[in-house]
């Protein structure tokens, strides 16, 4: 499916339609938030992937919206990992999910130190559960 998105993105580029409209911007950011996939988001918006990166470099507002959309995609991935761990079910590959989550850009410091401690404790508990599941299921242990 990603290959189709890249092909669509190339088609948009060759057609010469790389102008950004409000609708294209919203479509790009919505898809990025849902998938975390820049190529697919660009294809859905009908713009070239490189045009999206260029706009992010030029437009601080777009860059901030991009960062927020990407954060939403990571939150969805985290929620899926937690749901899988808690249910003990099958679904996403935990090792791959953990590698993706490790690529997440740093989260801005919380205004209250206690919230940061709660986040660290939750992350440590999740990692402990993932390691236990990896030992039970024979999957690679998360880093």
N, C-alpha and C. Protein backbone atom coordinates (compact mmCIF):
# COMPACT_ATOMS: atom_id res chain seq x y z
N UNK A 1 0.83 -1.18 0.00
CA UNK A 1 0.00 0.00 0.00
C UNK A 1 0.87 1.25 0.00
N UNK A 2 1.99 1.20 0.69
CA UNK A 2 2.89 2.36 0.71
C UNK A 2 3.43 2.63 -0.70
N UNK A 3 3.68 1.55 -1.48
CA UNK A 3 4.17 1.74 -2.84
C UNK A 3 3.15 2.48 -3.69
N UNK A 4 1.88 2.17 -3.51
CA UNK A 4 0.83 2.87 -4.24
C UNK A 4 0.80 4.34 -3.86
N UNK A 5 1.02 4.63 -2.58
CA UNK A 5 1.03 6.02 -2.13
C UNK A 5 2.19 6.78 -2.75
N UNK A 6 3.34 6.13 -2.84
CA UNK A 6 4.51 6.76 -3.44
C UNK A 6 4.26 6.99 -4.92
N UNK A 7 3.65 6.00 -5.61
CA UNK A 7 3.33 6.18 -7.03
C UNK A 7 2.37 7.34 -7.24
N UNK A 8 1.35 7.44 -6.37
CA UNK A 8 0.40 8.55 -6.47
C UNK A 8 1.11 9.88 -6.25
N UNK A 9 2.05 9.89 -5.31
CA UNK A 9 2.81 11.10 -5.03
C UNK A 9 3.63 11.50 -6.25
N UNK A 10 4.25 10.53 -6.91
CA UNK A 10 5.02 10.81 -8.12
C UNK A 10 4.12 11.34 -9.22
N UNK A 11 2.91 10.77 -9.33
CA UNK A 11 1.97 11.22 -10.34
C UNK A 11 1.60 12.68 -10.10
N UNK A 12 1.38 13.04 -8.85
CA UNK A 12 1.05 14.44 -8.53
C UNK A 12 2.20 15.35 -8.91
N UNK A 13 3.43 14.88 -8.70
CA UNK A 13 4.60 15.69 -9.02
C UNK A 13 4.73 15.87 -10.52
N UNK A 14 4.56 14.79 -11.26
CA UNK A 14 4.72 14.91 -12.71
C UNK A 14 3.61 15.73 -13.33
N UNK A 15 2.45 15.75 -12.70
CA UNK A 15 1.36 16.57 -13.20
C UNK A 15 1.63 18.05 -12.93
N UNK A 16 2.62 18.34 -12.08
CA UNK A 16 3.02 19.71 -11.82
C UNK A 16 2.17 20.42 -10.78
N UNK A 17 1.28 19.70 -10.12
CA UNK A 17 0.40 20.34 -9.14
C UNK A 17 0.99 20.19 -7.75
N UNK A 18 1.89 21.08 -7.38
CA UNK A 18 2.49 21.02 -6.05
C UNK A 18 2.06 22.20 -5.20
N UNK A 19 1.06 22.97 -5.67
CA UNK A 19 0.56 24.10 -4.88
C UNK A 19 -0.16 23.60 -3.65
N UNK A 20 0.04 24.31 -2.57
CA UNK A 20 -0.60 23.96 -1.31
C UNK A 20 -1.86 24.80 -1.13
N UNK A 21 -2.97 24.12 -0.94
CA UNK A 21 -4.21 24.80 -0.60
C UNK A 21 -4.52 24.45 0.85
N UNK A 22 -5.50 25.13 1.41
CA UNK A 22 -5.91 24.82 2.78
C UNK A 22 -6.39 23.36 2.88
N UNK A 23 -7.13 22.92 1.88
CA UNK A 23 -7.64 21.55 1.87
C UNK A 23 -6.49 20.54 1.79
N UNK A 24 -5.49 20.82 0.95
CA UNK A 24 -4.34 19.90 0.83
C UNK A 24 -3.57 19.85 2.14
N UNK A 25 -3.40 21.01 2.76
CA UNK A 25 -2.69 21.06 4.04
C UNK A 25 -3.41 20.21 5.09
N UNK A 26 -4.72 20.39 5.19
CA UNK A 26 -5.51 19.63 6.17
C UNK A 26 -5.48 18.14 5.87
N UNK A 27 -5.61 17.79 4.60
CA UNK A 27 -5.56 16.37 4.21
C UNK A 27 -4.21 15.77 4.56
N UNK A 28 -3.14 16.48 4.23
CA UNK A 28 -1.79 15.99 4.54
C UNK A 28 -1.64 15.76 6.04
N UNK A 29 -1.99 16.76 6.83
CA UNK A 29 -1.80 16.65 8.28
C UNK A 29 -2.70 15.58 8.90
N UNK A 30 -3.94 15.45 8.40
CA UNK A 30 -4.83 14.40 8.91
C UNK A 30 -4.25 13.02 8.64
N UNK A 31 -3.79 12.81 7.41
CA UNK A 31 -3.23 11.50 7.07
C UNK A 31 -1.93 11.23 7.84
N UNK A 32 -1.12 12.26 8.01
CA UNK A 32 0.12 12.09 8.77
C UNK A 32 -0.19 11.72 10.21
N UNK A 33 -1.20 12.33 10.78
CA UNK A 33 -1.60 12.04 12.15
C UNK A 33 -2.10 10.61 12.31
N UNK A 34 -2.80 10.12 11.29
CA UNK A 34 -3.37 8.76 11.37
C UNK A 34 -2.35 7.68 11.06
N UNK A 35 -1.39 7.98 10.17
CA UNK A 35 -0.49 6.92 9.71
C UNK A 35 0.96 7.12 10.09
N UNK A 36 1.38 8.36 10.27
CA UNK A 36 2.79 8.63 10.50
C UNK A 36 3.63 8.48 9.25
N UNK A 37 3.01 8.29 8.11
CA UNK A 37 3.68 8.02 6.84
C UNK A 37 3.63 9.27 5.95
N UNK A 38 4.78 9.93 5.80
CA UNK A 38 4.83 11.18 5.03
C UNK A 38 4.48 10.94 3.56
N UNK A 39 4.99 9.87 2.98
CA UNK A 39 4.72 9.60 1.56
C UNK A 39 3.23 9.38 1.33
N UNK A 40 2.59 8.62 2.20
CA UNK A 40 1.16 8.38 2.05
C UNK A 40 0.35 9.66 2.28
N UNK A 41 0.77 10.47 3.24
CA UNK A 41 0.07 11.71 3.51
C UNK A 41 0.20 12.67 2.33
N UNK A 42 1.38 12.75 1.73
CA UNK A 42 1.59 13.60 0.57
C UNK A 42 0.73 13.12 -0.60
N UNK A 43 0.71 11.82 -0.81
CA UNK A 43 -0.08 11.26 -1.90
C UNK A 43 -1.56 11.56 -1.70
N UNK A 44 -2.03 11.41 -0.46
CA UNK A 44 -3.44 11.67 -0.18
C UNK A 44 -3.78 13.14 -0.43
N UNK A 45 -2.83 14.02 -0.17
CA UNK A 45 -3.06 15.45 -0.38
C UNK A 45 -2.83 15.87 -1.82
N UNK A 46 -2.22 14.99 -2.62
CA UNK A 46 -1.96 15.32 -4.02
C UNK A 46 -0.77 16.25 -4.20
N UNK A 47 0.20 16.14 -3.31
CA UNK A 47 1.42 16.95 -3.42
C UNK A 47 2.63 16.04 -3.38
N UNK A 48 3.74 16.53 -3.87
CA UNK A 48 4.97 15.75 -3.84
C UNK A 48 5.50 15.69 -2.41
N UNK A 49 6.05 14.55 -2.06
CA UNK A 49 6.61 14.38 -0.73
C UNK A 49 7.70 15.42 -0.47
N UNK A 50 8.53 15.67 -1.47
CA UNK A 50 9.60 16.65 -1.31
C UNK A 50 9.04 18.06 -1.12
N UNK A 51 7.88 18.33 -1.72
CA UNK A 51 7.23 19.63 -1.52
C UNK A 51 6.77 19.78 -0.07
N UNK A 52 6.35 18.68 0.51
CA UNK A 52 5.94 18.71 1.92
C UNK A 52 7.15 19.03 2.81
N UNK A 53 8.27 18.37 2.55
CA UNK A 53 9.47 18.65 3.34
C UNK A 53 9.94 20.09 3.12
N UNK A 54 9.86 20.57 1.91
CA UNK A 54 10.27 21.95 1.61
C UNK A 54 9.37 22.94 2.36
N UNK A 55 8.09 22.67 2.36
CA UNK A 55 7.18 23.58 3.07
C UNK A 55 7.45 23.55 4.56
N UNK A 56 7.76 22.38 5.09
CA UNK A 56 8.07 22.28 6.52
C UNK A 56 9.29 23.15 6.86
N UNK A 57 10.29 23.16 5.97
CA UNK A 57 11.48 23.99 6.21
C UNK A 57 11.17 25.48 6.14
N UNK A 58 10.27 25.88 5.24
CA UNK A 58 9.97 27.30 5.01
C UNK A 58 8.92 27.87 5.96
N UNK A 59 8.00 27.06 6.42
CA UNK A 59 6.81 27.54 7.12
C UNK A 59 6.79 27.00 8.55
N UNK A 60 7.09 27.87 9.52
CA UNK A 60 7.16 27.45 10.92
C UNK A 60 5.82 26.93 11.43
N UNK A 61 4.72 27.54 10.98
CA UNK A 61 3.40 27.08 11.41
C UNK A 61 3.11 25.67 10.91
N UNK A 62 3.47 25.42 9.66
CA UNK A 62 3.29 24.09 9.08
C UNK A 62 4.19 23.09 9.80
N UNK A 63 5.41 23.50 10.11
CA UNK A 63 6.34 22.61 10.82
C UNK A 63 5.78 22.23 12.19
N UNK A 64 5.18 23.19 12.88
CA UNK A 64 4.60 22.90 14.19
C UNK A 64 3.39 21.96 14.06
N UNK A 65 2.56 22.20 13.05
CA UNK A 65 1.41 21.32 12.82
C UNK A 65 1.87 19.92 12.44
N UNK A 66 2.93 19.83 11.65
CA UNK A 66 3.52 18.53 11.26
C UNK A 66 3.97 17.80 12.52
N UNK A 67 4.68 18.49 13.39
CA UNK A 67 5.18 17.87 14.62
C UNK A 67 4.02 17.36 15.47
N UNK A 68 2.96 18.14 15.56
CA UNK A 68 1.79 17.73 16.33
C UNK A 68 1.13 16.50 15.69
N UNK A 69 1.03 16.48 14.37
CA UNK A 69 0.43 15.34 13.68
C UNK A 69 1.27 14.09 13.89
N UNK A 70 2.59 14.23 13.79
CA UNK A 70 3.47 13.08 14.01
C UNK A 70 3.35 12.58 15.44
N UNK A 71 3.23 13.49 16.38
CA UNK A 71 3.05 13.09 17.78
C UNK A 71 1.76 12.29 17.94
N UNK A 72 0.72 12.70 17.23
CA UNK A 72 -0.54 11.94 17.27
C UNK A 72 -0.37 10.53 16.75
N UNK A 73 0.42 10.38 15.69
CA UNK A 73 0.67 9.04 15.14
C UNK A 73 1.42 8.18 16.15
N UNK A 74 2.41 8.76 16.83
CA UNK A 74 3.14 8.01 17.85
C UNK A 74 2.23 7.64 19.02
N UNK A 75 1.33 8.53 19.40
CA UNK A 75 0.40 8.22 20.48
C UNK A 75 -0.50 7.06 20.10
N UNK A 76 -0.93 7.00 18.85
CA UNK A 76 -1.75 5.87 18.41
C UNK A 76 -0.96 4.57 18.47
N UNK A 77 0.31 4.63 18.05
CA UNK A 77 1.16 3.45 18.12
C UNK A 77 1.36 3.01 19.56
N UNK A 78 1.62 3.95 20.44
CA UNK A 78 1.78 3.61 21.86
C UNK A 78 0.52 2.96 22.41
N UNK A 79 -0.63 3.52 22.07
CA UNK A 79 -1.90 2.96 22.55
C UNK A 79 -2.10 1.54 22.03
N UNK A 80 -1.73 1.30 20.77
CA UNK A 80 -1.86 -0.05 20.21
C UNK A 80 -0.92 -1.03 20.92
N UNK A 81 0.29 -0.59 21.22
CA UNK A 81 1.25 -1.46 21.92
C UNK A 81 0.73 -1.78 23.32
N UNK A 82 0.27 -0.77 24.03
CA UNK A 82 -0.25 -0.98 25.39
C UNK A 82 -1.44 -1.93 25.35
N UNK A 83 -2.36 -1.71 24.42
CA UNK A 83 -3.54 -2.57 24.32
C UNK A 83 -3.14 -4.01 24.05
N UNK A 84 -2.16 -4.20 23.19
CA UNK A 84 -1.72 -5.56 22.89
C UNK A 84 -1.07 -6.21 24.10
N UNK A 85 -0.23 -5.46 24.79
CA UNK A 85 0.44 -6.01 25.96
C UNK A 85 -0.57 -6.38 27.03
N UNK A 86 -1.52 -5.50 27.28
CA UNK A 86 -2.50 -5.75 28.33
C UNK A 86 -3.45 -6.90 28.00
N UNK A 87 -3.75 -7.06 26.72
CA UNK A 87 -4.67 -8.13 26.33
C UNK A 87 -3.95 -9.45 26.10
N UNK A 88 -2.62 -9.37 25.92
CA UNK A 88 -1.85 -10.58 25.65
C UNK A 88 -2.15 -11.16 24.29
N UNK A 89 -2.81 -10.37 23.44
CA UNK A 89 -3.22 -10.87 22.14
C UNK A 89 -2.17 -10.69 21.07
N UNK A 90 -2.53 -11.14 19.89
CA UNK A 90 -1.66 -11.01 18.73
C UNK A 90 -2.06 -9.76 17.97
N UNK A 91 -1.23 -9.32 17.10
CA UNK A 91 -1.55 -8.13 16.31
C UNK A 91 -0.29 -7.56 15.73
N UNK A 92 0.15 -6.45 16.28
CA UNK A 92 1.34 -5.80 15.77
C UNK A 92 2.59 -6.51 16.28
N UNK A 93 3.65 -6.41 15.52
CA UNK A 93 4.93 -6.99 15.92
C UNK A 93 5.53 -6.07 16.98
N UNK A 94 5.63 -6.55 18.21
CA UNK A 94 6.09 -5.71 19.31
C UNK A 94 7.51 -5.21 19.11
N UNK A 95 8.38 -6.04 18.58
CA UNK A 95 9.77 -5.61 18.38
C UNK A 95 9.83 -4.44 17.40
N UNK A 96 9.07 -4.54 16.32
CA UNK A 96 9.04 -3.45 15.34
C UNK A 96 8.42 -2.20 15.95
N UNK A 97 7.33 -2.38 16.69
CA UNK A 97 6.67 -1.24 17.33
C UNK A 97 7.62 -0.54 18.30
N UNK A 98 8.38 -1.31 19.06
CA UNK A 98 9.31 -0.71 20.01
C UNK A 98 10.42 0.05 19.28
N UNK A 99 10.87 -0.48 18.15
CA UNK A 99 11.88 0.24 17.36
C UNK A 99 11.32 1.57 16.86
N UNK A 100 10.07 1.55 16.39
CA UNK A 100 9.44 2.78 15.93
C UNK A 100 9.27 3.78 17.07
N UNK A 101 8.85 3.30 18.22
CA UNK A 101 8.66 4.20 19.35
C UNK A 101 9.98 4.79 19.82
N UNK A 102 11.05 4.03 19.66
CA UNK A 102 12.37 4.55 20.05
C UNK A 102 12.79 5.71 19.16
N UNK A 103 12.22 5.81 17.97
CA UNK A 103 12.55 6.90 17.04
C UNK A 103 11.76 8.17 17.33
N UNK A 104 10.84 8.09 18.26
CA UNK A 104 9.98 9.25 18.57
C UNK A 104 10.84 10.41 19.06
N UNK A 105 10.60 11.57 18.50
CA UNK A 105 11.34 12.76 18.98
C UNK A 105 11.05 13.00 20.46
N UNK A 106 12.00 13.60 21.15
CA UNK A 106 11.83 13.87 22.58
C UNK A 106 10.59 14.70 22.86
N UNK A 107 9.94 14.37 23.93
CA UNK A 107 8.75 15.09 24.36
C UNK A 107 9.20 16.29 25.18
N UNK A 108 8.58 17.42 24.96
CA UNK A 108 8.93 18.62 25.71
C UNK A 108 8.75 18.37 27.20
N UNK A 109 9.59 19.00 27.97
CA UNK A 109 9.54 18.83 29.43
C UNK A 109 8.17 19.23 29.96
N UNK A 110 7.65 18.42 30.86
CA UNK A 110 6.37 18.72 31.48
C UNK A 110 6.56 19.86 32.47
N UNK A 111 5.56 20.72 32.62
CA UNK A 111 5.71 21.85 33.54
C UNK A 111 5.85 21.42 35.00
N UNK A 112 5.32 20.24 35.32
CA UNK A 112 5.39 19.75 36.69
C UNK A 112 6.25 18.49 36.70
N UNK A 113 7.24 18.46 37.58
CA UNK A 113 8.18 17.34 37.64
C UNK A 113 7.47 16.03 37.94
N UNK A 114 6.42 16.07 38.73
CA UNK A 114 5.71 14.85 39.10
C UNK A 114 5.17 14.12 37.87
N UNK A 115 4.66 14.87 36.88
CA UNK A 115 4.14 14.25 35.67
C UNK A 115 5.24 13.51 34.93
N UNK A 116 6.44 14.07 34.89
CA UNK A 116 7.56 13.38 34.24
C UNK A 116 7.87 12.08 34.95
N UNK A 117 7.81 12.07 36.29
CA UNK A 117 8.07 10.85 37.05
C UNK A 117 7.02 9.79 36.74
N UNK A 118 5.76 10.20 36.65
CA UNK A 118 4.69 9.27 36.33
C UNK A 118 4.91 8.68 34.94
N UNK A 119 5.34 9.48 34.01
CA UNK A 119 5.58 9.01 32.64
C UNK A 119 6.72 8.00 32.64
N UNK A 120 7.79 8.29 33.37
CA UNK A 120 8.93 7.35 33.44
C UNK A 120 8.51 6.03 34.08
N UNK A 121 7.72 6.13 35.15
CA UNK A 121 7.25 4.91 35.82
C UNK A 121 6.38 4.08 34.88
N UNK A 122 5.50 4.74 34.15
CA UNK A 122 4.64 4.02 33.20
C UNK A 122 5.47 3.38 32.10
N UNK A 123 6.47 4.10 31.59
CA UNK A 123 7.34 3.55 30.54
C UNK A 123 8.11 2.35 31.07
N UNK A 124 8.60 2.44 32.29
CA UNK A 124 9.35 1.32 32.89
C UNK A 124 8.44 0.10 33.08
N UNK A 125 7.21 0.35 33.53
CA UNK A 125 6.27 -0.76 33.72
C UNK A 125 5.92 -1.41 32.39
N UNK A 126 5.72 -0.60 31.36
CA UNK A 126 5.41 -1.13 30.03
C UNK A 126 6.57 -1.95 29.50
N UNK A 127 7.77 -1.44 29.64
CA UNK A 127 8.95 -2.18 29.18
C UNK A 127 9.09 -3.50 29.91
N UNK A 128 8.80 -3.52 31.19
CA UNK A 128 8.86 -4.76 31.97
C UNK A 128 7.85 -5.78 31.44
N UNK A 129 6.63 -5.30 31.13
CA UNK A 129 5.61 -6.19 30.58
C UNK A 129 6.01 -6.70 29.20
N UNK A 130 6.58 -5.84 28.38
CA UNK A 130 7.01 -6.25 27.05
C UNK A 130 8.11 -7.30 27.12
N UNK A 131 9.05 -7.13 28.03
CA UNK A 131 10.12 -8.12 28.18
C UNK A 131 9.56 -9.45 28.65
N UNK A 132 8.60 -9.40 29.58
CA UNK A 132 7.98 -10.64 30.06
C UNK A 132 7.23 -11.34 28.93
N UNK A 133 6.51 -10.57 28.12
CA UNK A 133 5.79 -11.16 27.01
C UNK A 133 6.77 -11.74 25.98
N UNK A 134 7.88 -11.06 25.75
CA UNK A 134 8.87 -11.54 24.81
C UNK A 134 9.43 -12.89 25.26
N UNK A 135 9.66 -13.03 26.56
CA UNK A 135 10.18 -14.30 27.08
C UNK A 135 9.15 -15.41 26.94
N UNK A 136 7.87 -15.08 27.16
CA UNK A 136 6.82 -16.09 27.06
C UNK A 136 6.59 -16.51 25.62
N UNK A 137 6.63 -15.53 24.70
CA UNK A 137 6.27 -15.81 23.32
C UNK A 137 7.43 -16.06 22.40
N UNK A 138 8.64 -15.91 22.88
CA UNK A 138 9.80 -16.15 22.05
C UNK A 138 10.09 -15.04 21.06
N UNK A 139 9.45 -13.88 21.23
CA UNK A 139 9.75 -12.76 20.34
C UNK A 139 10.99 -12.04 20.85
N UNK A 140 11.67 -11.31 19.98
CA UNK A 140 12.85 -10.58 20.41
C UNK A 140 12.50 -9.59 21.53
N UNK A 141 13.38 -9.48 22.47
CA UNK A 141 13.18 -8.57 23.59
C UNK A 141 13.39 -7.13 23.13
N UNK A 142 12.53 -6.20 23.60
CA UNK A 142 12.71 -4.80 23.21
C UNK A 142 14.01 -4.24 23.77
N UNK A 143 14.56 -3.26 23.06
CA UNK A 143 15.81 -2.64 23.51
C UNK A 143 15.60 -1.81 24.73
